[in-house]
Amino acid sequence: MKKKDVILAACILAIALGGLLFMKTRDHQKGSALNVMVDGELYASYSLDEDRTIRLSLDGGENTFRIENGSVRMLSADCPDQYCVEHAAISADHETIVCLPHRLVLEIRGGEEKDVDA
């Protein structure tokens, strides 16, 4: 590797680390509701203020998720890959958990509106 290659790689790494730092430190708005979407259509909406466990039996399969302390976590799914179950809990506005085999999307909505758009 030549000196310019090393400089280019260092610049790309610095930009990537800067972007990651920005994403981790920006202000995330807490959501107030969970929208459950099936096949792109709103299936149900739940408040994040009330702790509950919801079990959905749909044509594609079965999913169980838990709303607890203002966050949502997928507890179980009978899909083969289990990516939705392995996903971390979500609580900020516009965060999602997707179960693609069942065409199910859990999306947090309703954070506080800011005066200035970043």
PDB file of N, CA and C in Angstrom:
ATOM      1  N   MET A   1       0.846  -1.186   0.000  1.00  0.00           N
ATOM      2  CA  MET A   1       0.000   0.000   0.000  1.00  0.00           C
ATOM      3  C   MET A   1       0.888   1.246   0.000  1.00  0.00           C
ATOM      4  N   LYS A   2       0.423   2.208  -0.739  1.00  0.00           N
ATOM      5  CA  LYS A   2       1.154   3.461  -0.821  1.00  0.00           C
ATOM      6  C   LYS A   2       0.648   4.429   0.241  1.00  0.00           C
ATOM      7  N   LYS A   3       1.377   5.470   0.456  1.00  0.00           N
ATOM      8  CA  LYS A   3       1.044   6.455   1.481  1.00  0.00           C
ATOM      9  C   LYS A   3      -0.338   7.064   1.240  1.00  0.00           C
ATOM     10  N   LYS A   4      -0.687   7.356  -0.017  1.00  0.00           N
ATOM     11  CA  LYS A   4      -1.993   7.949  -0.331  1.00  0.00           C
ATOM     12  C   LYS A   4      -3.129   6.967  -0.059  1.00  0.00           C
ATOM     13  N   ASP A   5      -2.884   5.660  -0.258  1.00  0.00           N
ATOM     14  CA  ASP A   5      -3.903   4.648   0.053  1.00  0.00           C
ATOM     15  C   ASP A   5      -4.201   4.616   1.547  1.00  0.00           C
ATOM     16  N   VAL A   6      -3.166   4.706   2.352  1.00  0.00           N
ATOM     17  CA  VAL A   6      -3.327   4.707   3.807  1.00  0.00           C
ATOM     18  C   VAL A   6      -4.085   5.953   4.252  1.00  0.00           C
ATOM     19  N   ILE A   7      -3.768   7.103   3.664  1.00  0.00           N
ATOM     20  CA  ILE A   7      -4.458   8.348   4.010  1.00  0.00           C
ATOM     21  C   ILE A   7      -5.925   8.260   3.625  1.00  0.00           C
ATOM     22  N   LEU A   8      -6.222   7.717   2.427  1.00  0.00           N
ATOM     23  CA  LEU A   8      -7.604   7.563   1.984  1.00  0.00           C
ATOM     24  C   LEU A   8      -8.375   6.628   2.914  1.00  0.00           C
ATOM     25  N   ALA A   9      -7.776   5.506   3.282  1.00  0.00           N
ATOM     26  CA  ALA A   9      -8.434   4.560   4.189  1.00  0.00           C
ATOM     27  C   ALA A   9      -8.684   5.202   5.551  1.00  0.00           C
ATOM     28  N   ALA A  10      -7.735   5.979   6.053  1.00  0.00           N
ATOM     29  CA  ALA A  10      -7.900   6.650   7.345  1.00  0.00           C
ATOM     30  C   ALA A  10      -9.021   7.686   7.281  1.00  0.00           C
ATOM     31  N   CYS A  11      -9.127   8.405   6.168  1.00  0.00           N
ATOM     32  CA  CYS A  11     -10.202   9.395   6.018  1.00  0.00           C
ATOM     33  C   CYS A  11     -11.572   8.717   5.973  1.00  0.00           C
ATOM     34  N   ILE A  12     -11.678   7.632   5.225  1.00  0.00           N
ATOM     35  CA  ILE A  12     -12.947   6.903   5.152  1.00  0.00           C
ATOM     36  C   ILE A  12     -13.334   6.357   6.515  1.00  0.00           C
ATOM     37  N   LEU A  13     -12.374   5.813   7.243  1.00  0.00           N
ATOM     38  CA  LEU A  13     -12.628   5.302   8.590  1.00  0.00           C
ATOM     39  C   LEU A  13     -13.066   6.418   9.530  1.00  0.00           C
ATOM     40  N   ALA A  14     -12.425   7.586   9.441  1.00  0.00           N
ATOM     41  CA  ALA A  14     -12.791   8.713  10.301  1.00  0.00           C
ATOM     42  C   ALA A  14     -14.209   9.193  10.002  1.00  0.00           C
ATOM     43  N   ILE A  15     -14.572   9.251   8.723  1.00  0.00           N
ATOM     44  CA  ILE A  15     -15.930   9.680   8.354  1.00  0.00           C
ATOM     45  C   ILE A  15     -16.958   8.672   8.854  1.00  0.00           C
ATOM     46  N   ALA A  16     -16.660   7.374   8.711  1.00  0.00           N
ATOM     47  CA  ALA A  16     -17.580   6.336   9.183  1.00  0.00           C
ATOM     48  C   ALA A  16     -17.751   6.402  10.702  1.00  0.00           C
ATOM     49  N   LEU A  17     -16.674   6.560  11.431  1.00  0.00           N
ATOM     50  CA  LEU A  17     -16.761   6.657  12.893  1.00  0.00           C
ATOM     51  C   LEU A  17     -17.501   7.915  13.323  1.00  0.00           C
ATOM     52  N   GLY A  18     -17.301   9.018  12.600  1.00  0.00           N
ATOM     53  CA  GLY A  18     -18.028  10.253  12.893  1.00  0.00           C
ATOM     54  C   GLY A  18     -19.521  10.071  12.689  1.00  0.00           C
ATOM     55  N   GLY A  19     -19.910   9.400  11.612  1.00  0.00           N
ATOM     56  CA  GLY A  19     -21.324   9.130  11.355  1.00  0.00           C
ATOM     57  C   GLY A  19     -21.938   8.247  12.414  1.00  0.00           C
ATOM     58  N   LEU A  20     -21.198   7.221  12.827  1.00  0.00           N
ATOM     59  CA  LEU A  20     -21.679   6.328  13.880  1.00  0.00           C
ATOM     60  C   LEU A  20     -21.845   7.080  15.197  1.00  0.00           C
ATOM     61  N   LEU A  21     -20.897   7.916  15.535  1.00  0.00           N
ATOM     62  CA  LEU A  21     -20.983   8.712  16.761  1.00  0.00           C
ATOM     63  C   LEU A  21     -22.185   9.649  16.715  1.00  0.00           C
ATOM     64  N   PHE A  22     -22.432  10.272  15.560  1.00  0.00           N
ATOM     65  CA  PHE A  22     -23.587  11.156  15.405  1.00  0.00           C
ATOM     66  C   PHE A  22     -24.887  10.387  15.609  1.00  0.00           C
ATOM     67  N   MET A  23     -24.990   9.200  15.017  1.00  0.00           N
ATOM     68  CA  MET A  23     -26.210   8.400  15.136  1.00  0.00           C
ATOM     69  C   MET A  23     -26.464   7.974  16.585  1.00  0.00           C
ATOM     70  N   LYS A  24     -25.417   7.663  17.318  1.00  0.00           N
ATOM     71  CA  LYS A  24     -25.573   7.185  18.691  1.00  0.00           C
ATOM     72  C   LYS A  24     -25.861   8.308  19.683  1.00  0.00           C
ATOM     73  N   THR A  25     -25.421   9.532  19.391  1.00  0.00           N
ATOM     74  CA  THR A  25     -25.561  10.613  20.369  1.00  0.00           C
ATOM     75  C   THR A  25     -26.715  11.561  20.078  1.00  0.00           C
ATOM     76  N   ARG A  26     -27.371  11.429  18.930  1.00  0.00           N
ATOM     77  CA  ARG A  26     -28.466  12.367  18.644  1.00  0.00           C
ATOM     78  C   ARG A  26     -29.654  12.090  19.562  1.00  0.00           C
ATOM     79  N   ASP A  27     -30.490  13.095  19.706  1.00  0.00           N
ATOM     80  CA  ASP A  27     -31.627  13.035  20.613  1.00  0.00           C
ATOM     81  C   ASP A  27     -32.742  12.180  20.012  1.00  0.00           C
ATOM     82  N   HIS A  28     -33.024  11.038  20.616  1.00  0.00           N
ATOM     83  CA  HIS A  28     -34.112  10.171  20.167  1.00  0.00           C
ATOM     84  C   HIS A  28     -35.369  10.511  20.958  1.00  0.00           C
ATOM     85  N   GLN A  29     -36.455  10.774  20.258  1.00  0.00           N
ATOM     86  CA  GLN A  29     -37.715  11.086  20.905  1.00  0.00           C
ATOM     87  C   GLN A  29     -38.416   9.797  21.311  1.00  0.00           C
ATOM     88  N   LYS A  30     -38.822   9.715  22.560  1.00  0.00           N
ATOM     89  CA  LYS A  30     -39.582   8.555  23.022  1.00  0.00           C
ATOM     90  C   LYS A  30     -40.942   8.565  22.347  1.00  0.00           C
ATOM     91  N   GLY A  31     -41.375   7.392  21.906  1.00  0.00           N
ATOM     92  CA  GLY A  31     -42.679   7.267  21.273  1.00  0.00           C
ATOM     93  C   GLY A  31     -43.767   7.116  22.307  1.00  0.00           C
ATOM     94  N   SER A  32     -45.002   7.259  21.858  1.00  0.00           N
ATOM     95  CA  SER A  32     -46.131   7.131  22.782  1.00  0.00           C
ATOM     96  C   SER A  32     -47.084   6.016  22.377  1.00  0.00           C
ATOM     97  N   ALA A  33     -46.943   5.500  21.154  1.00  0.00           N
ATOM     98  CA  ALA A  33     -47.866   4.473  20.680  1.00  0.00           C
ATOM     99  C   ALA A  33     -47.134   3.461  19.807  1.00  0.00           C
ATOM    100  N   LEU A  34     -47.708   2.277  19.728  1.00  0.00           N
ATOM    101  CA  LEU A  34     -47.203   1.221  18.866  1.00  0.00           C
ATOM    102  C   LEU A  34     -48.230   0.974  17.775  1.00  0.00           C
ATOM    103  N   ASN A  35     -47.811   1.107  16.529  1.00  0.00           N
ATOM    104  CA  ASN A  35     -48.669   0.756  15.401  1.00  0.00           C
ATOM    105  C   ASN A  35     -48.269  -0.623  14.903  1.00  0.00           C
ATOM    106  N   VAL A  36     -49.238  -1.502  14.783  1.00  0.00           N
ATOM    107  CA  VAL A  36     -49.019  -2.844  14.265  1.00  0.00           C
ATOM    108  C   VAL A  36     -49.545  -2.862  12.838  1.00  0.00           C
ATOM    109  N   MET A  37     -48.641  -3.103  11.884  1.00  0.00           N
ATOM    110  CA  MET A  37     -48.990  -3.109  10.476  1.00  0.00           C
ATOM    111  C   MET A  37     -48.903  -4.536   9.945  1.00  0.00           C
ATOM    112  N   VAL A  38     -49.920  -4.969   9.218  1.00  0.00           N
ATOM    113  CA  VAL A  38     -49.936  -6.282   8.572  1.00  0.00           C
ATOM    114  C   VAL A  38     -50.230  -6.055   7.099  1.00  0.00           C
ATOM    115  N   ASP A  39     -49.368  -6.549   6.241  1.00  0.00           N
ATOM    116  CA  ASP A  39     -49.494  -6.351   4.789  1.00  0.00           C
ATOM    117  C   ASP A  39     -49.571  -4.873   4.426  1.00  0.00           C
ATOM    118  N   GLY A  40     -48.879  -4.021   5.163  1.00  0.00           N
ATOM    119  CA  GLY A  40     -48.851  -2.594   4.883  1.00  0.00           C
ATOM    120  C   GLY A  40     -50.061  -1.819   5.361  1.00  0.00           C
ATOM    121  N   GLU A  41     -50.997  -2.481   6.005  1.00  0.00           N
ATOM    122  CA  GLU A  41     -52.209  -1.832   6.514  1.00  0.00           C
ATOM    123  C   GLU A  41     -52.174  -1.809   8.041  1.00  0.00           C
ATOM    124  N   LEU A  42     -52.710  -0.740   8.630  1.00  0.00           N
ATOM    125  CA  LEU A  42     -52.769  -0.641  10.087  1.00  0.00           C
ATOM    126  C   LEU A  42     -53.708  -1.716  10.627  1.00  0.00           C
ATOM    127  N   TYR A  43     -53.168  -2.588  11.457  1.00  0.00           N
ATOM    128  CA  TYR A  43     -53.942  -3.676  12.053  1.00  0.00           C
ATOM    129  C   TYR A  43     -54.459  -3.274  13.431  1.00  0.00           C
ATOM    130  N   ALA A  44     -53.591  -2.640  14.231  1.00  0.00           N
ATOM    131  CA  ALA A  44     -53.969  -2.213  15.586  1.00  0.00           C
ATOM    132  C   ALA A  44     -52.989  -1.152  16.058  1.00  0.00           C
ATOM    133  N   SER A  45     -53.393  -0.410  17.076  1.00  0.00           N
ATOM    134  CA  SER A  45     -52.539   0.588  17.700  1.00  0.00           C
ATOM    135  C   SER A  45     -52.676   0.457  19.212  1.00  0.00           C
ATOM    136  N   TYR A  46     -51.547   0.492  19.915  1.00  0.00           N
ATOM    137  CA  TYR A  46     -51.540   0.324  21.369  1.00  0.00           C
ATOM    138  C   TYR A  46     -50.736   1.440  22.016  1.00  0.00           C
ATOM    139  N   SER A  47     -51.158   1.862  23.189  1.00  0.00           N
ATOM    140  CA  SER A  47     -50.424   2.842  23.963  1.00  0.00           C
ATOM    141  C   SER A  47     -49.207   2.177  24.604  1.00  0.00           C
ATOM    142  N   LEU A  48     -48.105   2.906  24.678  1.00  0.00           N
ATOM    143  CA  LEU A  48     -46.910   2.380  25.343  1.00  0.00           C
ATOM    144  C   LEU A  48     -46.951   2.601  26.851  1.00  0.00           C
ATOM    145  N   ASP A  49     -47.993   3.284  27.326  1.00  0.00           N
ATOM    146  CA  ASP A  49     -48.123   3.548  28.768  1.00  0.00           C
ATOM    147  C   ASP A  49     -48.646   2.344  29.537  1.00  0.00           C
ATOM    148  N   GLU A  50     -49.311   1.437  28.863  1.00  0.00           N
ATOM    149  CA  GLU A  50     -49.918   0.280  29.528  1.00  0.00           C
ATOM    150  C   GLU A  50     -49.147  -0.991  29.178  1.00  0.00           C
ATOM    151  N   ASP A  51     -48.606  -1.663  30.194  1.00  0.00           N
ATOM    152  CA  ASP A  51     -47.871  -2.915  29.979  1.00  0.00           C
ATOM    153  C   ASP A  51     -48.848  -4.025  29.614  1.00  0.00           C
ATOM    154  N   ARG A  52     -48.505  -4.782  28.566  1.00  0.00           N
ATOM    155  CA  ARG A  52     -49.357  -5.889  28.140  1.00  0.00           C
ATOM    156  C   ARG A  52     -48.575  -6.807  27.202  1.00  0.00           C
ATOM    157  N   THR A  53     -49.071  -8.013  27.068  1.00  0.00           N
ATOM    158  CA  THR A  53     -48.535  -8.987  26.118  1.00  0.00           C
ATOM    159  C   THR A  53     -49.617  -9.256  25.085  1.00  0.00           C
ATOM    160  N   ILE A  54     -49.243  -9.174  23.810  1.00  0.00           N
ATOM    161  CA  ILE A  54     -50.203  -9.346  22.718  1.00  0.00           C
ATOM    162  C   ILE A  54     -49.767 -10.526  21.861  1.00  0.00           C
ATOM    163  N   ARG A  55     -50.719 -11.387  21.572  1.00  0.00           N
ATOM    164  CA  ARG A  55     -50.478 -12.556  20.715  1.00  0.00           C
ATOM    165  C   ARG A  55     -51.313 -12.389  19.454  1.00  0.00           C
ATOM    166  N   LEU A  56     -50.652 -12.406  18.297  1.00  0.00           N
ATOM    167  CA  LEU A  56     -51.341 -12.262  17.016  1.00  0.00           C
ATOM    168  C   LEU A  56     -51.273 -13.572  16.257  1.00  0.00           C
ATOM    169  N   SER A  57     -52.425 -14.085  15.879  1.00  0.00           N
ATOM    170  CA  SER A  57     -52.500 -15.252  15.004  1.00  0.00           C
ATOM    171  C   SER A  57     -53.027 -14.778  13.665  1.00  0.00           C
ATOM    172  N   LEU A  58     -52.150 -14.746  12.689  1.00  0.00           N
ATOM    173  CA  LEU A  58     -52.497 -14.267  11.361  1.00  0.00           C
ATOM    174  C   LEU A  58     -52.399 -15.410  10.363  1.00  0.00           C
ATOM    175  N   ASP A  59     -52.789 -15.145   9.131  1.00  0.00           N
ATOM    176  CA  ASP A  59     -52.715 -16.169   8.096  1.00  0.00           C
ATOM    177  C   ASP A  59     -51.287 -16.690   7.927  1.00  0.00           C
ATOM    178  N   GLY A  60     -50.312 -15.798   8.042  1.00  0.00           N
ATOM    179  CA  GLY A  60     -48.919 -16.176   7.839  1.00  0.00           C
ATOM    180  C   GLY A  60     -48.302 -16.919   9.012  1.00  0.00           C
ATOM    181  N   GLY A  61     -48.836 -16.782  10.208  1.00  0.00           N
ATOM    182  CA  GLY A  61     -48.264 -17.432  11.382  1.00  0.00           C
ATOM    183  C   GLY A  61     -48.643 -16.716  12.661  1.00  0.00           C
ATOM    184  N   GLU A  62     -47.863 -16.961  13.683  1.00  0.00           N
ATOM    185  CA  GLU A  62     -48.175 -16.430  15.011  1.00  0.00           C
ATOM    186  C   GLU A  62     -46.986 -15.658  15.577  1.00  0.00           C
ATOM    187  N   ASN A  63     -47.261 -14.484  16.152  1.00  0.00           N
ATOM    188  CA  ASN A  63     -46.257 -13.652  16.801  1.00  0.00           C
ATOM    189  C   ASN A  63     -46.776 -13.220  18.160  1.00  0.00           C
ATOM    190  N   THR A  64     -45.868 -13.110  19.122  1.00  0.00           N
ATOM    191  CA  THR A  64     -46.194 -12.603  20.450  1.00  0.00           C
ATOM    192  C   THR A  64     -45.192 -11.514  20.790  1.00  0.00           C
ATOM    193  N   PHE A  65     -45.698 -10.333  21.184  1.00  0.00           N
ATOM    194  CA  PHE A  65     -44.811  -9.251  21.589  1.00  0.00           C
ATOM    195  C   PHE A  65     -45.281  -8.660  22.894  1.00  0.00           C
ATOM    196  N   ARG A  66     -44.367  -7.980  23.579  1.00  0.00           N
ATOM    197  CA  ARG A  66     -44.625  -7.430  24.915  1.00  0.00           C
ATOM    198  C   ARG A  66     -44.356  -5.946  24.931  1.00  0.00           C
ATOM    199  N   ILE A  67     -45.335  -5.172  25.436  1.00  0.00           N
ATOM    200  CA  ILE A  67     -45.164  -3.746  25.707  1.00  0.00           C
ATOM    201  C   ILE A  67     -44.888  -3.629  27.194  1.00  0.00           C
ATOM    202  N   GLU A  68     -43.740  -3.064  27.544  1.00  0.00           N
ATOM    203  CA  GLU A  68     -43.359  -2.977  28.952  1.00  0.00           C
ATOM    204  C   GLU A  68     -42.449  -1.775  29.173  1.00  0.00           C
ATOM    205  N   ASN A  69     -42.795  -0.930  30.138  1.00  0.00           N
ATOM    206  CA  ASN A  69     -42.015   0.257  30.496  1.00  0.00           C
ATOM    207  C   ASN A  69     -41.723   1.154  29.299  1.00  0.00           C
ATOM    208  N   GLY A  70     -42.699   1.318  28.413  1.00  0.00           N
ATOM    209  CA  GLY A  70     -42.542   2.220  27.280  1.00  0.00           C
ATOM    210  C   GLY A  70     -41.747   1.668  26.114  1.00  0.00           C
ATOM    211  N   SER A  71     -41.435   0.380  26.130  1.00  0.00           N
ATOM    212  CA  SER A  71     -40.707  -0.222  25.022  1.00  0.00           C
ATOM    213  C   SER A  71     -41.427  -1.491  24.566  1.00  0.00           C
ATOM    214  N   VAL A  72     -41.058  -1.964  23.384  1.00  0.00           N
ATOM    215  CA  VAL A  72     -41.698  -3.132  22.782  1.00  0.00           C
ATOM    216  C   VAL A  72     -40.626  -4.143  22.402  1.00  0.00           C
ATOM    217  N   ARG A  73     -40.905  -5.399  22.677  1.00  0.00           N
ATOM    218  CA  ARG A  73     -39.984  -6.491  22.345  1.00  0.00           C
ATOM    219  C   ARG A  73     -40.789  -7.665  21.808  1.00  0.00           C
ATOM    220  N   MET A  74     -40.288  -8.283  20.734  1.00  0.00           N
ATOM    221  CA  MET A  74     -40.918  -9.478  20.183  1.00  0.00           C
ATOM    222  C   MET A  74     -40.488 -10.662  21.052  1.00  0.00           C
ATOM    223  N   LEU A  75     -41.452 -11.356  21.623  1.00  0.00           N
ATOM    224  CA  LEU A  75     -41.155 -12.492  22.496  1.00  0.00           C
ATOM    225  C   LEU A  75     -41.003 -13.796  21.731  1.00  0.00           C
ATOM    226  N   SER A  76     -41.912 -14.044  20.779  1.00  0.00           N
ATOM    227  CA  SER A  76     -41.841 -15.291  20.028  1.00  0.00           C
ATOM    228  C   SER A  76     -42.489 -15.118  18.667  1.00  0.00           C
ATOM    229  N   ALA A  77     -42.057 -15.967  17.739  1.00  0.00           N
ATOM    230  CA  ALA A  77     -42.628 -16.006  16.396  1.00  0.00           C
ATOM    231  C   ALA A  77     -42.367 -17.404  15.854  1.00  0.00           C
ATOM    232  N   ASP A  78     -43.294 -17.902  15.051  1.00  0.00           N
ATOM    233  CA  ASP A  78     -43.096 -19.228  14.497  1.00  0.00           C
ATOM    234  C   ASP A  78     -42.499 -19.185  13.084  1.00  0.00           C
ATOM    235  N   CYS A  79     -41.811 -18.092  12.764  1.00  0.00           N
ATOM    236  CA  CYS A  79     -41.116 -17.986  11.477  1.00  0.00           C
ATOM    237  C   CYS A  79     -39.761 -18.692  11.589  1.00  0.00           C
ATOM    238  N   PRO A  80     -39.187 -19.101  10.454  1.00  0.00           N
ATOM    239  CA  PRO A  80     -37.969 -19.895  10.515  1.00  0.00           C
ATOM    240  C   PRO A  80     -36.706 -19.132  10.915  1.00  0.00           C
ATOM    241  N   ASP A  81     -36.586 -17.846  10.579  1.00  0.00           N
ATOM    242  CA  ASP A  81     -35.319 -17.149  10.811  1.00  0.00           C
ATOM    243  C   ASP A  81     -35.165 -16.523  12.200  1.00  0.00           C
ATOM    244  N   GLN A  82     -36.267 -16.145  12.854  1.00  0.00           N
ATOM    245  CA  GLN A  82     -36.271 -15.594  14.221  1.00  0.00           C
ATOM    246  C   GLN A  82     -35.532 -14.256  14.365  1.00  0.00           C
ATOM    247  N   TYR A  83     -35.335 -13.522  13.257  1.00  0.00           N
ATOM    248  CA  TYR A  83     -34.663 -12.223  13.353  1.00  0.00           C
ATOM    249  C   TYR A  83     -35.469 -11.242  14.193  1.00  0.00           C
ATOM    250  N   CYS A  84     -36.781 -11.281  14.084  1.00  0.00           N
ATOM    251  CA  CYS A  84     -37.620 -10.351  14.844  1.00  0.00           C
ATOM    252  C   CYS A  84     -37.514 -10.619  16.346  1.00  0.00           C
ATOM    253  N   VAL A  85     -37.353 -11.873  16.739  1.00  0.00           N
ATOM    254  CA  VAL A  85     -37.235 -12.218  18.162  1.00  0.00           C
ATOM    255  C   VAL A  85     -35.872 -11.780  18.696  1.00  0.00           C
ATOM    256  N   GLU A  86     -34.848 -11.855  17.862  1.00  0.00           N
ATOM    257  CA  GLU A  86     -33.497 -11.465  18.266  1.00  0.00           C
ATOM    258  C   GLU A  86     -33.302  -9.952  18.298  1.00  0.00           C
ATOM    259  N   HIS A  87     -34.214  -9.202  17.680  1.00  0.00           N
ATOM    260  CA  HIS A  87     -34.097  -7.742  17.618  1.00  0.00           C
ATOM    261  C   HIS A  87     -34.203  -7.147  19.014  1.00  0.00           C
ATOM    262  N   ALA A  88     -33.441  -6.105  19.262  1.00  0.00           N
ATOM    263  CA  ALA A  88     -33.495  -5.407  20.551  1.00  0.00           C
ATOM    264  C   ALA A  88     -34.851  -4.719  20.727  1.00  0.00           C
ATOM    265  N   ALA A  89     -35.199  -4.442  21.959  1.00  0.00           N
ATOM    266  CA  ALA A  89     -36.444  -3.725  22.251  1.00  0.00           C
ATOM    267  C   ALA A  89     -36.392  -2.336  21.626  1.00  0.00           C
ATOM    268  N   ILE A  90     -37.552  -1.823  21.217  1.00  0.00           N
ATOM    269  CA  ILE A  90     -37.633  -0.499  20.599  1.00  0.00           C
ATOM    270  C   ILE A  90     -38.488   0.413  21.468  1.00  0.00           C
ATOM    271  N   SER A  91     -38.148   1.720  21.468  1.00  0.00           N
ATOM    272  CA  SER A  91     -38.930   2.671  22.258  1.00  0.00           C
ATOM    273  C   SER A  91     -38.956   4.070  21.651  1.00  0.00           C
ATOM    274  N   ALA A  92     -38.079   4.370  20.705  1.00  0.00           N
ATOM    275  CA  ALA A  92     -37.994   5.713  20.125  1.00  0.00           C
ATOM    276  C   ALA A  92     -38.886   5.827  18.886  1.00  0.00           C
ATOM    277  N   ASP A  93     -39.337   7.032  18.623  1.00  0.00           N
ATOM    278  CA  ASP A  93     -40.201   7.319  17.481  1.00  0.00           C
ATOM    279  C   ASP A  93     -39.548   6.834  16.182  1.00  0.00           C
ATOM    280  N   HIS A  94     -40.318   6.152  15.363  1.00  0.00           N
ATOM    281  CA  HIS A  94     -39.936   5.616  14.052  1.00  0.00           C
ATOM    282  C   HIS A  94     -39.064   4.362  14.110  1.00  0.00           C
ATOM    283  N   GLU A  95     -38.810   3.798  15.260  1.00  0.00           N
ATOM    284  CA  GLU A  95     -38.101   2.522  15.317  1.00  0.00           C
ATOM    285  C   GLU A  95     -39.066   1.402  14.957  1.00  0.00           C
ATOM    286  N   THR A  96     -38.539   0.336  14.350  1.00  0.00           N
ATOM    287  CA  THR A  96     -39.395  -0.756  13.910  1.00  0.00           C
ATOM    288  C   THR A  96     -38.788  -2.119  14.227  1.00  0.00           C
ATOM    289  N   ILE A  97     -39.658  -3.096  14.350  1.00  0.00           N
ATOM    290  CA  ILE A  97     -39.308  -4.513  14.351  1.00  0.00           C
ATOM    291  C   ILE A  97     -40.124  -5.123  13.219  1.00  0.00           C
ATOM    292  N   VAL A  98     -39.467  -5.871  12.340  1.00  0.00           N
ATOM    293  CA  VAL A  98     -40.130  -6.427  11.162  1.00  0.00           C
ATOM    294  C   VAL A  98     -40.033  -7.947  11.200  1.00  0.00           C
ATOM    295  N   CYS A  99     -41.162  -8.612  10.995  1.00  0.00           N
ATOM    296  CA  CYS A  99     -41.209 -10.060  10.790  1.00  0.00           C
ATOM    297  C   CYS A  99     -41.616 -10.250   9.338  1.00  0.00           C
ATOM    298  N   LEU A 100     -40.632 -10.374   8.481  1.00  0.00           N
ATOM    299  CA  LEU A 100     -40.885 -10.421   7.048  1.00  0.00           C
ATOM    300  C   LEU A 100     -41.701 -11.636   6.610  1.00  0.00           C
ATOM    301  N   PRO A 101     -41.441 -12.849   7.121  1.00  0.00           N
ATOM    302  CA  PRO A 101     -42.261 -13.983   6.679  1.00  0.00           C
ATOM    303  C   PRO A 101     -43.750 -13.818   6.985  1.00  0.00           C
ATOM    304  N   HIS A 102     -44.072 -13.103   8.057  1.00  0.00           N
ATOM    305  CA  HIS A 102     -45.475 -12.903   8.436  1.00  0.00           C
ATOM    306  C   HIS A 102     -46.022 -11.558   7.962  1.00  0.00           C
ATOM    307  N   ARG A 103     -45.190 -10.772   7.264  1.00  0.00           N
ATOM    308  CA  ARG A 103     -45.574  -9.458   6.751  1.00  0.00           C
ATOM    309  C   ARG A 103     -46.083  -8.545   7.882  1.00  0.00           C
ATOM    310  N   LEU A 104     -45.379  -8.594   9.016  1.00  0.00           N
ATOM    311  CA  LEU A 104     -45.764  -7.861  10.217  1.00  0.00           C
ATOM    312  C   LEU A 104     -44.710  -6.815  10.546  1.00  0.00           C
ATOM    313  N   VAL A 105     -45.148  -5.591  10.834  1.00  0.00           N
ATOM    314  CA  VAL A 105     -44.246  -4.508  11.223  1.00  0.00           C
ATOM    315  C   VAL A 105     -44.770  -3.893  12.512  1.00  0.00           C
ATOM    316  N   LEU A 106     -43.904  -3.807  13.518  1.00  0.00           N
ATOM    317  CA  LEU A 106     -44.207  -3.083  14.756  1.00  0.00           C
ATOM    318  C   LEU A 106     -43.443  -1.770  14.685  1.00  0.00           C
ATOM    319  N   GLU A 107     -44.158  -0.646  14.742  1.00  0.00           N
ATOM    320  CA  GLU A 107     -43.513   0.663  14.605  1.00  0.00           C
ATOM    321  C   GLU A 107     -43.938   1.588  15.739  1.00  0.00           C
ATOM    322  N   ILE A 108     -42.943   2.207  16.369  1.00  0.00           N
ATOM    323  CA  ILE A 108     -43.196   3.192  17.426  1.00  0.00           C
ATOM    324  C   ILE A 108     -43.523   4.526  16.758  1.00  0.00           C
ATOM    325  N   ARG A 109     -44.552   5.187  17.238  1.00  0.00           N
ATOM    326  CA  ARG A 109     -44.967   6.486  16.699  1.00  0.00           C
ATOM    327  C   ARG A 109     -45.311   7.430  17.846  1.00  0.00           C
ATOM    328  N   GLY A 110     -45.351   8.715  17.519  1.00  0.00           N
ATOM    329  CA  GLY A 110     -45.887   9.700  18.434  1.00  0.00           C
ATOM    330  C   GLY A 110     -44.919  10.341  19.385  1.00  0.00           C
ATOM    331  N   GLY A 111     -43.682  10.563  18.963  1.00  0.00           N
ATOM    332  CA  GLY A 111     -42.754  11.323  19.802  1.00  0.00           C
ATOM    333  C   GLY A 111     -43.155  12.773  19.836  1.00  0.00           C
ATOM    334  N   GLU A 112     -42.570  13.530  20.743  1.00  0.00           N
ATOM    335  CA  GLU A 112     -42.871  14.954  20.845  1.00  0.00           C
ATOM    336  C   GLU A 112     -42.339  15.680  19.609  1.00  0.00           C
ATOM    337  N   GLU A 113     -43.087  16.658  19.140  1.00  0.00           N
ATOM    338  CA  GLU A 113     -42.674  17.446  17.995  1.00  0.00           C
ATOM    339  C   GLU A 113     -41.617  18.464  18.432  1.00  0.00           C
ATOM    340  N   LYS A 114     -40.576  18.627  17.627  1.00  0.00           N
ATOM    341  CA  LYS A 114     -39.533  19.608  17.906  1.00  0.00           C
ATOM    342  C   LYS A 114     -39.845  20.896  17.153  1.00  0.00           C
ATOM    343  N   ASP A 115     -39.355  22.020  17.698  1.00  0.00           N
ATOM    344  CA  ASP A 115     -39.544  23.283  17.024  1.00  0.00           C
ATOM    345  C   ASP A 115     -38.648  23.393  15.791  1.00  0.00           C
ATOM    346  N   VAL A 116     -37.452  22.845  15.887  1.00  0.00           N
ATOM    347  CA  VAL A 116     -36.483  22.929  14.800  1.00  0.00           C
ATOM    348  C   VAL A 116     -36.291  21.555  14.207  1.00  0.00           C
ATOM    349  N   ASP A 117     -36.376  21.454  12.896  1.00  0.00           N
ATOM    350  CA  ASP A 117     -36.168  20.193  12.202  1.00  0.00           C
ATOM    351  C   ASP A 117     -34.677  20.009  11.939  1.00  0.00           C
ATOM    352  N   ALA A 118     -34.120  18.929  12.452  1.00  0.00           N
ATOM    353  CA  ALA A 118     -32.694  18.685  12.256  1.00  0.00           C
ATOM    354  C   ALA A 118     -32.483  18.198  10.861  1.00  0.00           C
TER     355      ALA A 118
END
